């Protein structure tokens, strides 16, 4: 087993090829974390990939959550480690899984101070995991289940497989976009395909990605055996969350001004999202049109 700093890098199940990549920007990311200049770069550059992978705002998604003492966590699809460091600070043991050696190297390099982190490289479907965990996370991963799971029901089977790694009473944590998020109706392009309205019209002609409505996601999770499902609503979305609302504490007015930016591409502005969401909030429809979901289940 290799090590980068204190981090264990497990390549037992690595195929030798990175099948998922953001391209050349990953070389830039590796150079940045090797030089320890994350904050300086974010002050000077505007590339969305740098902001997405390096911004400390990413940690707001779960920085508030009390995981409890002496707990363990399996992070499926850890990528470049945007929230892995947060998990290392909050839990006793963290095992991160990712398809890409390049991304895992970036993750290990930026979090090399932590001796409670092991990164396993390879396809989640092929990696043999015998350990059970208190928490398993799918943050920005469920929508890509077709990449990981070769089956007629990749999304349901992904949830079932993730659940199988939980200890009794353990929790599965999911973060994903809402295909009916208000920004998509107002003209923002679909996050994964870059086309307007792709999710709203059912991903016609799109084979590799799916997101879900609130009710659709809950139905999928129940069919996969999830219980005690609790929805939270990160705003403006789960990627760069500034606030997180719960079912018990929903917004009285929409706290996002104007329209949600498309950080990586241009968008249309068909109407004012803030005004529309305030109308939806007044009608009790906020939970159906929030841009993202954060979901916990037993």
C-alpha atoms as a PDB file:
ATOM      1  CA  UNK A   1       0.000   0.000   0.000  1.00  0.00           C
ATOM      2  CA  UNK A   2       1.388   3.401  -1.009  1.00  0.00           C
ATOM      3  CA  UNK A   3       1.227   6.505   1.152  1.00  0.00           C
ATOM      4  CA  UNK A   4       1.125  10.228   0.440  1.00  0.00           C
ATOM      5  CA  UNK A   5       1.975  11.903   3.703  1.00  0.00           C
ATOM      6  CA  UNK A   6      -0.141  10.072   6.279  1.00  0.00           C
ATOM      7  CA  UNK A   7      -2.809   8.980   3.780  1.00  0.00           C
ATOM      8  CA  UNK A   8      -2.979   5.360   2.622  1.00  0.00           C
ATOM      9  CA  UNK A   9      -3.464   4.944  -1.146  1.00  0.00           C
ATOM     10  CA  UNK A  10      -4.921   1.512  -1.916  1.00  0.00           C
ATOM     11  CA  UNK A  11      -4.574   0.555  -5.616  1.00  0.00           C
ATOM     12  CA  UNK A  12      -5.481  -3.124  -5.231  1.00  0.00           C
ATOM     13  CA  UNK A  13      -8.588  -2.759  -7.416  1.00  0.00           C
ATOM     14  CA  UNK A  14      -7.338  -0.063  -9.804  1.00  0.00           C
ATOM     15  CA  UNK A  15      -7.702  -1.053 -13.472  1.00  0.00           C
ATOM     16  CA  UNK A  16      -4.784   1.111 -14.595  1.00  0.00           C
ATOM     17  CA  UNK A  17      -7.011   3.572 -16.490  1.00  0.00           C
ATOM     18  CA  UNK A  18      -8.879   6.634 -15.236  1.00  0.00           C
ATOM     19  CA  UNK A  19     -12.334   6.308 -16.808  1.00  0.00           C
ATOM     20  CA  UNK A  20     -13.658   9.627 -15.458  1.00  0.00           C
ATOM     21  CA  UNK A  21     -11.819  12.928 -15.679  1.00  0.00           C
ATOM     22  CA  UNK A  22     -12.234  16.699 -15.948  1.00  0.00           C
ATOM     23  CA  UNK A  23      -9.260  16.738 -18.327  1.00  0.00           C
ATOM     24  CA  UNK A  24      -6.183  18.955 -18.138  1.00  0.00           C
ATOM     25  CA  UNK A  25      -7.543  20.981 -15.232  1.00  0.00           C
ATOM     26  CA  UNK A  26      -6.775  18.004 -12.979  1.00  0.00           C
ATOM     27  CA  UNK A  27      -3.052  18.465 -13.681  1.00  0.00           C
ATOM     28  CA  UNK A  28      -3.477  22.083 -12.608  1.00  0.00           C
ATOM     29  CA  UNK A  29      -5.334  20.995  -9.458  1.00  0.00           C
ATOM     30  CA  UNK A  30      -2.566  18.558  -8.545  1.00  0.00           C
ATOM     31  CA  UNK A  31       0.068  21.259  -9.016  1.00  0.00           C
ATOM     32  CA  UNK A  32      -1.918  23.665  -6.823  1.00  0.00           C
ATOM     33  CA  UNK A  33      -2.385  21.253  -3.916  1.00  0.00           C
ATOM     34  CA  UNK A  34       1.231  20.124  -4.104  1.00  0.00           C
ATOM     35  CA  UNK A  35       2.258  23.767  -3.663  1.00  0.00           C
ATOM     36  CA  UNK A  36      -0.375  24.384  -0.970  1.00  0.00           C
ATOM     37  CA  UNK A  37      -1.815  27.464  -2.700  1.00  0.00           C
ATOM     38  CA  UNK A  38      -5.552  26.790  -2.752  1.00  0.00           C
ATOM     39  CA  UNK A  39      -6.791  30.046  -1.222  1.00  0.00           C
ATOM     40  CA  UNK A  40      -4.454  32.231  -3.288  1.00  0.00           C
ATOM     41  CA  UNK A  41      -5.602  30.570  -6.512  1.00  0.00           C
ATOM     42  CA  UNK A  42      -9.280  31.131  -5.713  1.00  0.00           C
ATOM     43  CA  UNK A  43      -8.614  34.839  -5.221  1.00  0.00           C
ATOM     44  CA  UNK A  44      -6.970  35.178  -8.632  1.00  0.00           C
ATOM     45  CA  UNK A  45      -8.740  32.739 -10.976  1.00  0.00           C
ATOM     46  CA  UNK A  46     -12.305  32.218 -12.215  1.00  0.00           C
ATOM     47  CA  UNK A  47     -12.272  28.662 -13.583  1.00  0.00           C
ATOM     48  CA  UNK A  48     -15.364  26.824 -12.299  1.00  0.00           C
ATOM     49  CA  UNK A  49     -13.467  23.538 -11.869  1.00  0.00           C
ATOM     50  CA  UNK A  50     -11.021  25.218  -9.484  1.00  0.00           C
ATOM     51  CA  UNK A  51     -13.848  26.775  -7.480  1.00  0.00           C
ATOM     52  CA  UNK A  52     -15.813  23.524  -7.389  1.00  0.00           C
ATOM     53  CA  UNK A  53     -12.921  21.338  -6.270  1.00  0.00           C
ATOM     54  CA  UNK A  54     -11.073  23.763  -3.975  1.00  0.00           C
ATOM     55  CA  UNK A  55     -13.575  26.160  -2.398  1.00  0.00           C
ATOM     56  CA  UNK A  56     -13.985  25.725   1.380  1.00  0.00           C
ATOM     57  CA  UNK A  57     -17.658  26.625   0.852  1.00  0.00           C
ATOM     58  CA  UNK A  58     -18.128  22.999  -0.264  1.00  0.00           C
ATOM     59  CA  UNK A  59     -17.768  21.910   3.362  1.00  0.00           C
ATOM     60  CA  UNK A  60     -20.819  23.953   4.425  1.00  0.00           C
ATOM     61  CA  UNK A  61     -22.953  21.050   3.234  1.00  0.00           C
ATOM     62  CA  UNK A  62     -22.149  18.968   6.333  1.00  0.00           C
ATOM     63  CA  UNK A  63     -19.946  21.156   8.521  1.00  0.00           C
ATOM     64  CA  UNK A  64     -22.953  21.719  10.824  1.00  0.00           C
ATOM     65  CA  UNK A  65     -23.744  18.018  11.303  1.00  0.00           C
ATOM     66  CA  UNK A  66     -22.796  16.146  14.491  1.00  0.00           C
ATOM     67  CA  UNK A  67     -21.559  12.734  13.354  1.00  0.00           C
ATOM     68  CA  UNK A  68     -20.852  11.644  16.927  1.00  0.00           C
ATOM     69  CA  UNK A  69     -17.651  10.374  18.527  1.00  0.00           C
ATOM     70  CA  UNK A  70     -15.729   7.302  17.457  1.00  0.00           C
ATOM     71  CA  UNK A  71     -17.569   6.928  14.142  1.00  0.00           C
ATOM     72  CA  UNK A  72     -16.486   5.693  10.706  1.00  0.00           C
ATOM     73  CA  UNK A  73     -17.493   6.815   7.209  1.00  0.00           C
ATOM     74  CA  UNK A  74     -17.279   5.440   3.663  1.00  0.00           C
ATOM     75  CA  UNK A  75     -17.196   8.231   1.047  1.00  0.00           C
ATOM     76  CA  UNK A  76     -18.191   6.833  -2.357  1.00  0.00           C
ATOM     77  CA  UNK A  77     -17.008   8.953  -5.289  1.00  0.00           C
ATOM     78  CA  UNK A  78     -14.689  11.182  -3.261  1.00  0.00           C
ATOM     79  CA  UNK A  79     -13.204  12.897  -6.323  1.00  0.00           C
ATOM     80  CA  UNK A  80     -10.572  15.501  -5.525  1.00  0.00           C
ATOM     81  CA  UNK A  81     -11.490  15.539  -1.836  1.00  0.00           C
ATOM     82  CA  UNK A  82     -13.601  18.679  -1.530  1.00  0.00           C
ATOM     83  CA  UNK A  83     -15.305  17.335   1.616  1.00  0.00           C
ATOM     84  CA  UNK A  84     -12.944  14.497   2.541  1.00  0.00           C
ATOM     85  CA  UNK A  85     -10.926  16.730   4.865  1.00  0.00           C
ATOM     86  CA  UNK A  86     -14.112  17.711   6.710  1.00  0.00           C
ATOM     87  CA  UNK A  87     -14.883  14.032   7.282  1.00  0.00           C
ATOM     88  CA  UNK A  88     -11.342  13.402   8.530  1.00  0.00           C
ATOM     89  CA  UNK A  89     -11.760  16.144  11.130  1.00  0.00           C
ATOM     90  CA  UNK A  90     -15.165  14.907  12.287  1.00  0.00           C
ATOM     91  CA  UNK A  91     -14.809  11.109  12.262  1.00  0.00           C
ATOM     92  CA  UNK A  92     -12.303   8.576  13.558  1.00  0.00           C
ATOM     93  CA  UNK A  93     -11.954   6.599  10.334  1.00  0.00           C
ATOM     94  CA  UNK A  94     -12.626   7.638   6.732  1.00  0.00           C
ATOM     95  CA  UNK A  95     -12.387   5.388   3.683  1.00  0.00           C
ATOM     96  CA  UNK A  96     -12.753   7.220   0.363  1.00  0.00           C
ATOM     97  CA  UNK A  97     -13.456   5.425  -2.922  1.00  0.00           C
ATOM     98  CA  UNK A  98     -12.943   6.868  -6.406  1.00  0.00           C
ATOM     99  CA  UNK A  99     -12.511   5.643  -9.979  1.00  0.00           C
ATOM    100  CA  UNK A 100      -9.597   7.950 -10.746  1.00  0.00           C
ATOM    101  CA  UNK A 101      -5.973   7.640  -9.651  1.00  0.00           C
ATOM    102  CA  UNK A 102      -5.357  11.297 -10.596  1.00  0.00           C
ATOM    103  CA  UNK A 103      -8.255  12.549  -8.486  1.00  0.00           C
ATOM    104  CA  UNK A 104      -7.315  10.276  -5.607  1.00  0.00           C
ATOM    105  CA  UNK A 105      -3.754  11.601  -5.724  1.00  0.00           C
ATOM    106  CA  UNK A 106      -5.113  15.159  -5.522  1.00  0.00           C
ATOM    107  CA  UNK A 107      -7.308  14.128  -2.587  1.00  0.00           C
ATOM    108  CA  UNK A 108      -4.445  12.413  -0.749  1.00  0.00           C
ATOM    109  CA  UNK A 109      -2.083  15.320  -1.349  1.00  0.00           C
ATOM    110  CA  UNK A 110      -4.446  18.005  -0.050  1.00  0.00           C
ATOM    111  CA  UNK A 111      -5.375  15.881   2.987  1.00  0.00           C
ATOM    112  CA  UNK A 112      -2.002  14.263   3.647  1.00  0.00           C
ATOM    113  CA  UNK A 113      -1.926  15.507   7.256  1.00  0.00           C
ATOM    114  CA  UNK A 114      -4.696  13.089   8.281  1.00  0.00           C
ATOM    115  CA  UNK A 115      -3.681   9.625   9.470  1.00  0.00           C
ATOM    116  CA  UNK A 116      -7.301   8.391   9.627  1.00  0.00           C
ATOM    117  CA  UNK A 117      -7.827   8.428   5.831  1.00  0.00           C
ATOM    118  CA  UNK A 118      -7.536   5.548   3.369  1.00  0.00           C
ATOM    119  CA  UNK A 119      -8.331   6.061  -0.324  1.00  0.00           C
ATOM    120  CA  UNK A 120      -9.342   3.040  -2.410  1.00  0.00           C
ATOM    121  CA  UNK A 121      -9.015   3.468  -6.167  1.00  0.00           C
ATOM    122  CA  UNK A 122     -11.234   1.570  -8.575  1.00  0.00           C
ATOM    123  CA  UNK A 123     -14.787   0.981  -9.752  1.00  0.00           C
ATOM    124  CA  UNK A 124     -17.128   0.851  -6.776  1.00  0.00           C
ATOM    125  CA  UNK A 125     -18.793  -2.235  -8.277  1.00  0.00           C
ATOM    126  CA  UNK A 126     -15.486  -4.142  -8.324  1.00  0.00           C
ATOM    127  CA  UNK A 127     -13.903  -3.083  -5.020  1.00  0.00           C
ATOM    128  CA  UNK A 128     -14.214  -5.656  -2.251  1.00  0.00           C
ATOM    129  CA  UNK A 129     -15.211  -3.938   0.986  1.00  0.00           C
ATOM    130  CA  UNK A 130     -15.707  -6.163   4.028  1.00  0.00           C
ATOM    131  CA  UNK A 131     -15.880  -3.414   6.644  1.00  0.00           C
ATOM    132  CA  UNK A 132     -19.130  -1.866   7.901  1.00  0.00           C
ATOM    133  CA  UNK A 133     -19.480   1.876   8.556  1.00  0.00           C
ATOM    134  CA  UNK A 134     -21.576   4.245  10.628  1.00  0.00           C
ATOM    135  CA  UNK A 135     -22.061   6.481   7.584  1.00  0.00           C
ATOM    136  CA  UNK A 136     -21.924   6.020   3.819  1.00  0.00           C
ATOM    137  CA  UNK A 137     -22.055   9.079   1.539  1.00  0.00           C
ATOM    138  CA  UNK A 138     -23.104   9.585  -2.083  1.00  0.00           C
ATOM    139  CA  UNK A 139     -22.378  13.283  -2.639  1.00  0.00           C
ATOM    140  CA  UNK A 140     -22.829  14.158  -6.305  1.00  0.00           C
ATOM    141  CA  UNK A 141     -22.584  10.453  -7.124  1.00  0.00           C
ATOM    142  CA  UNK A 142     -26.030   8.834  -7.342  1.00  0.00           C
ATOM    143  CA  UNK A 143     -26.780  10.610 -10.630  1.00  0.00           C
ATOM    144  CA  UNK A 144     -23.736   8.860 -12.173  1.00  0.00           C
ATOM    145  CA  UNK A 145     -24.698   5.348 -11.028  1.00  0.00           C
ATOM    146  CA  UNK A 146     -24.642   4.095 -14.623  1.00  0.00           C
ATOM    147  CA  UNK A 147     -20.849   4.623 -14.578  1.00  0.00           C
ATOM    148  CA  UNK A 148     -20.483   2.469 -11.449  1.00  0.00           C
ATOM    149  CA  UNK A 149     -23.217  -0.154 -11.596  1.00  0.00           C
ATOM    150  CA  UNK A 150     -23.842  -2.402 -14.607  1.00  0.00           C
ATOM    151  CA  UNK A 151     -27.437  -3.517 -14.106  1.00  0.00           C
ATOM    152  CA  UNK A 152     -30.989  -2.839 -15.379  1.00  0.00           C
ATOM    153  CA  UNK A 153     -31.583  -0.735 -12.241  1.00  0.00           C
ATOM    154  CA  UNK A 154     -28.285   1.069 -11.593  1.00  0.00           C
ATOM    155  CA  UNK A 155     -29.736   3.786  -9.338  1.00  0.00           C
ATOM    156  CA  UNK A 156     -31.648   1.410  -7.101  1.00  0.00           C
ATOM    157  CA  UNK A 157     -28.758  -1.049  -7.035  1.00  0.00           C
ATOM    158  CA  UNK A 158     -26.333   1.745  -6.145  1.00  0.00           C
ATOM    159  CA  UNK A 159     -28.487   2.599  -3.125  1.00  0.00           C
ATOM    160  CA  UNK A 160     -28.799  -1.050  -2.125  1.00  0.00           C
ATOM    161  CA  UNK A 161     -25.058  -1.616  -2.458  1.00  0.00           C
ATOM    162  CA  UNK A 162     -24.254   1.535  -0.464  1.00  0.00           C
ATOM    163  CA  UNK A 163     -26.714   0.461   2.237  1.00  0.00           C
ATOM    164  CA  UNK A 164     -25.028  -2.934   2.505  1.00  0.00           C
ATOM    165  CA  UNK A 165     -21.903  -1.274   3.955  1.00  0.00           C
ATOM    166  CA  UNK A 166     -23.769   0.287   6.888  1.00  0.00           C
ATOM    167  CA  UNK A 167     -23.633  -0.950  10.444  1.00  0.00           C
ATOM    168  CA  UNK A 168     -27.020  -1.559  12.098  1.00  0.00           C
ATOM    169  CA  UNK A 169     -28.516   1.883  12.703  1.00  0.00           C
ATOM    170  CA  UNK A 170     -26.026   3.499  10.314  1.00  0.00           C
ATOM    171  CA  UNK A 171     -26.977   6.330   7.969  1.00  0.00           C
ATOM    172  CA  UNK A 172     -26.750   6.840   4.226  1.00  0.00           C
ATOM    173  CA  UNK A 173     -26.182  10.479   3.168  1.00  0.00           C
ATOM    174  CA  UNK A 174     -27.028  11.636  -0.371  1.00  0.00           C
ATOM    175  CA  UNK A 175     -26.561  15.026  -2.059  1.00  0.00           C
ATOM    176  CA  UNK A 176     -27.988  15.514  -5.549  1.00  0.00           C
ATOM    177  CA  UNK A 177     -29.555  18.126  -7.802  1.00  0.00           C
ATOM    178  CA  UNK A 178     -33.343  18.414  -8.126  1.00  0.00           C
ATOM    179  CA  UNK A 179     -34.319  17.907 -11.773  1.00  0.00           C
ATOM    180  CA  UNK A 180     -37.201  20.331 -11.134  1.00  0.00           C
ATOM    181  CA  UNK A 181     -35.047  22.939  -9.394  1.00  0.00           C
ATOM    182  CA  UNK A 182     -36.291  26.494  -9.927  1.00  0.00           C
ATOM    183  CA  UNK A 183     -33.102  27.506 -11.737  1.00  0.00           C
ATOM    184  CA  UNK A 184     -33.800  25.004 -14.529  1.00  0.00           C
ATOM    185  CA  UNK A 185     -37.267  26.410 -15.198  1.00  0.00           C
ATOM    186  CA  UNK A 186     -35.820  29.928 -15.212  1.00  0.00           C
ATOM    187  CA  UNK A 187     -33.244  29.155 -17.908  1.00  0.00           C
ATOM    188  CA  UNK A 188     -30.156  27.646 -16.251  1.00  0.00           C
ATOM    189  CA  UNK A 189     -28.642  24.792 -18.232  1.00  0.00           C
ATOM    190  CA  UNK A 190     -28.773  21.281 -16.769  1.00  0.00           C
ATOM    191  CA  UNK A 191     -25.686  20.822 -14.581  1.00  0.00           C
ATOM    192  CA  UNK A 192     -24.456  17.624 -16.225  1.00  0.00           C
ATOM    193  CA  UNK A 193     -25.436  17.975 -19.890  1.00  0.00           C
ATOM    194  CA  UNK A 194     -25.106  21.745 -20.332  1.00  0.00           C
ATOM    195  CA  UNK A 195     -28.457  21.943 -22.139  1.00  0.00           C
ATOM    196  CA  UNK A 196     -31.570  23.841 -21.015  1.00  0.00           C
ATOM    197  CA  UNK A 197     -34.530  21.798 -19.695  1.00  0.00           C
ATOM    198  CA  UNK A 198     -32.869  18.373 -20.119  1.00  0.00           C
ATOM    199  CA  UNK A 199     -34.046  17.100 -16.745  1.00  0.00           C
ATOM    200  CA  UNK A 200     -37.476  18.690 -17.007  1.00  0.00           C
ATOM    201  CA  UNK A 201     -38.215  16.842 -20.269  1.00  0.00           C
ATOM    202  CA  UNK A 202     -36.902  13.528 -18.889  1.00  0.00           C
ATOM    203  CA  UNK A 203     -33.345  13.495 -20.286  1.00  0.00           C
ATOM    204  CA  UNK A 204     -34.516  12.671 -23.802  1.00  0.00           C
ATOM    205  CA  UNK A 205     -31.540  11.137 -25.625  1.00  0.00           C
ATOM    206  CA  UNK A 206     -29.262  11.346 -22.544  1.00  0.00           C
ATOM    207  CA  UNK A 207     -27.866   7.969 -21.501  1.00  0.00           C
ATOM    208  CA  UNK A 208     -25.286   8.514 -18.756  1.00  0.00           C
ATOM    209  CA  UNK A 209     -26.882  10.653 -16.062  1.00  0.00           C
ATOM    210  CA  UNK A 210     -30.166  11.132 -14.197  1.00  0.00           C
ATOM    211  CA  UNK A 211     -31.388  13.374 -11.417  1.00  0.00           C
ATOM    212  CA  UNK A 212     -34.750  13.138  -9.690  1.00  0.00           C
ATOM    213  CA  UNK A 213     -37.623  15.160  -8.293  1.00  0.00           C
ATOM    214  CA  UNK A 214     -38.141  15.214  -4.547  1.00  0.00           C
ATOM    215  CA  UNK A 215     -40.944  12.652  -4.709  1.00  0.00           C
ATOM    216  CA  UNK A 216     -39.102  10.577  -7.292  1.00  0.00           C
ATOM    217  CA  UNK A 217     -35.985  10.415  -5.139  1.00  0.00           C
ATOM    218  CA  UNK A 218     -37.959   9.451  -2.049  1.00  0.00           C
ATOM    219  CA  UNK A 219     -39.749   6.697  -3.995  1.00  0.00           C
ATOM    220  CA  UNK A 220     -36.427   5.377  -5.342  1.00  0.00           C
ATOM    221  CA  UNK A 221     -34.955   5.303  -1.830  1.00  0.00           C
ATOM    222  CA  UNK A 222     -37.958   3.527  -0.317  1.00  0.00           C
ATOM    223  CA  UNK A 223     -37.870   0.892  -3.055  1.00  0.00           C
ATOM    224  CA  UNK A 224     -34.183   0.340  -2.215  1.00  0.00           C
ATOM    225  CA  UNK A 225     -35.082  -0.316   1.425  1.00  0.00           C
ATOM    226  CA  UNK A 226     -34.216   3.062   2.953  1.00  0.00           C
ATOM    227  CA  UNK A 227     -36.209   4.085   6.028  1.00  0.00           C
ATOM    228  CA  UNK A 228     -36.505   7.186   8.227  1.00  0.00           C
ATOM    229  CA  UNK A 229     -35.807   9.419   5.212  1.00  0.00           C
ATOM    230  CA  UNK A 230     -35.044  13.048   6.107  1.00  0.00           C
ATOM    231  CA  UNK A 231     -34.743  15.768   3.459  1.00  0.00           C
ATOM    232  CA  UNK A 232     -32.665  18.938   3.788  1.00  0.00           C
ATOM    233  CA  UNK A 233     -32.380  21.779   1.289  1.00  0.00           C
ATOM    234  CA  UNK A 234     -28.976  23.435   0.690  1.00  0.00           C
ATOM    235  CA  UNK A 235     -29.185  26.880  -0.921  1.00  0.00           C
ATOM    236  CA  UNK A 236     -28.476  27.964  -3.549  1.00  0.00           C
ATOM    237  CA  UNK A 237     -27.422  24.322  -4.164  1.00  0.00           C
ATOM    238  CA  UNK A 238     -25.407  21.508  -2.577  1.00  0.00           C
ATOM    239  CA  UNK A 239     -22.215  22.383  -4.475  1.00  0.00           C
ATOM    240  CA  UNK A 240     -21.677  25.844  -2.979  1.00  0.00           C
ATOM    241  CA  UNK A 241     -24.163  25.928  -0.089  1.00  0.00           C
ATOM    242  CA  UNK A 242     -24.531  29.054   1.991  1.00  0.00           C
ATOM    243  CA  UNK A 243     -27.553  27.864   3.992  1.00  0.00           C
ATOM    244  CA  UNK A 244     -29.153  24.489   4.708  1.00  0.00           C
ATOM    245  CA  UNK A 245     -32.862  24.222   5.545  1.00  0.00           C
ATOM    246  CA  UNK A 246     -34.762  21.268   7.014  1.00  0.00           C
ATOM    247  CA  UNK A 247     -38.356  20.095   6.800  1.00  0.00           C
ATOM    248  CA  UNK A 248     -38.812  21.459  10.332  1.00  0.00           C
ATOM    249  CA  UNK A 249     -37.338  24.866   9.408  1.00  0.00           C
ATOM    250  CA  UNK A 250     -38.203  25.970   5.890  1.00  0.00           C
ATOM    251  CA  UNK A 251     -37.541  29.485   4.570  1.00  0.00           C
ATOM    252  CA  UNK A 252     -40.247  32.103   5.078  1.00  0.00           C
ATOM    253  CA  UNK A 253     -38.832  33.930   2.036  1.00  0.00           C
ATOM    254  CA  UNK A 254     -36.274  32.892  -0.581  1.00  0.00           C
ATOM    255  CA  UNK A 255     -32.817  33.946   0.673  1.00  0.00           C
ATOM    256  CA  UNK A 256     -31.162  33.867  -2.776  1.00  0.00           C
ATOM    257  CA  UNK A 257     -31.149  37.182  -4.635  1.00  0.00           C
ATOM    258  CA  UNK A 258     -32.105  37.217  -8.303  1.00  0.00           C
ATOM    259  CA  UNK A 259     -31.133  34.152 -10.338  1.00  0.00           C
ATOM    260  CA  UNK A 260     -28.757  31.305  -9.539  1.00  0.00           C
ATOM    261  CA  UNK A 261     -25.552  31.693 -11.574  1.00  0.00           C
ATOM    262  CA  UNK A 262     -24.363  29.074 -14.035  1.00  0.00           C
ATOM    263  CA  UNK A 263     -20.749  29.115 -12.883  1.00  0.00           C
ATOM    264  CA  UNK A 264     -19.368  27.148 -15.816  1.00  0.00           C
ATOM    265  CA  UNK A 265     -21.437  28.441 -18.755  1.00  0.00           C
ATOM    266  CA  UNK A 266     -23.897  31.099 -19.863  1.00  0.00           C
ATOM    267  CA  UNK A 267     -27.600  30.773 -19.062  1.00  0.00           C
ATOM    268  CA  UNK A 268     -30.902  32.329 -20.035  1.00  0.00           C
ATOM    269  CA  UNK A 269     -32.842  34.501 -17.597  1.00  0.00           C
ATOM    270  CA  UNK A 270     -36.480  33.720 -18.377  1.00  0.00           C
ATOM    271  CA  UNK A 271     -37.867  35.084 -15.116  1.00  0.00           C
ATOM    272  CA  UNK A 272     -36.766  36.166 -11.640  1.00  0.00           C
ATOM    273  CA  UNK A 273     -36.190  33.044  -9.525  1.00  0.00           C
ATOM    274  CA  UNK A 274     -36.346  34.938  -6.253  1.00  0.00           C
ATOM    275  CA  UNK A 275     -39.825  36.309  -6.962  1.00  0.00           C
ATOM    276  CA  UNK A 276     -41.068  32.975  -8.282  1.00  0.00           C
ATOM    277  CA  UNK A 277     -39.739  31.086  -5.270  1.00  0.00           C
ATOM    278  CA  UNK A 278     -41.364  33.508  -2.867  1.00  0.00           C
ATOM    279  CA  UNK A 279     -44.688  32.712  -4.548  1.00  0.00           C
ATOM    280  CA  UNK A 280     -43.961  28.975  -4.306  1.00  0.00           C
ATOM    281  CA  UNK A 281     -42.976  29.317  -0.641  1.00  0.00           C
ATOM    282  CA  UNK A 282     -46.267  31.081   0.063  1.00  0.00           C
ATOM    283  CA  UNK A 283     -48.079  28.143  -1.573  1.00  0.00           C
ATOM    284  CA  UNK A 284     -46.070  25.533   0.384  1.00  0.00           C
ATOM    285  CA  UNK A 285     -44.175  24.297  -2.689  1.00  0.00           C
ATOM    286  CA  UNK A 286     -40.578  25.197  -1.762  1.00  0.00           C
ATOM    287  CA  UNK A 287     -39.513  21.574  -1.183  1.00  0.00           C
ATOM    288  CA  UNK A 288     -40.534  20.609  -4.733  1.00  0.00           C
ATOM    289  CA  UNK A 289     -38.522  23.362  -6.443  1.00  0.00           C
ATOM    290  CA  UNK A 290     -35.354  23.747  -4.321  1.00  0.00           C
ATOM    291  CA  UNK A 291     -32.295  23.339  -6.545  1.00  0.00           C
ATOM    292  CA  UNK A 292     -30.698  20.523  -4.530  1.00  0.00           C
ATOM    293  CA  UNK A 293     -31.406  17.890  -1.913  1.00  0.00           C
ATOM    294  CA  UNK A 294     -29.383  16.610   1.015  1.00  0.00           C
ATOM    295  CA  UNK A 295     -30.951  13.390   2.293  1.00  0.00           C
ATOM    296  CA  UNK A 296     -30.289  11.204   5.348  1.00  0.00           C
ATOM    297  CA  UNK A 297     -31.793   7.738   5.818  1.00  0.00           C
ATOM    298  CA  UNK A 298     -31.330   4.701   8.049  1.00  0.00           C
END
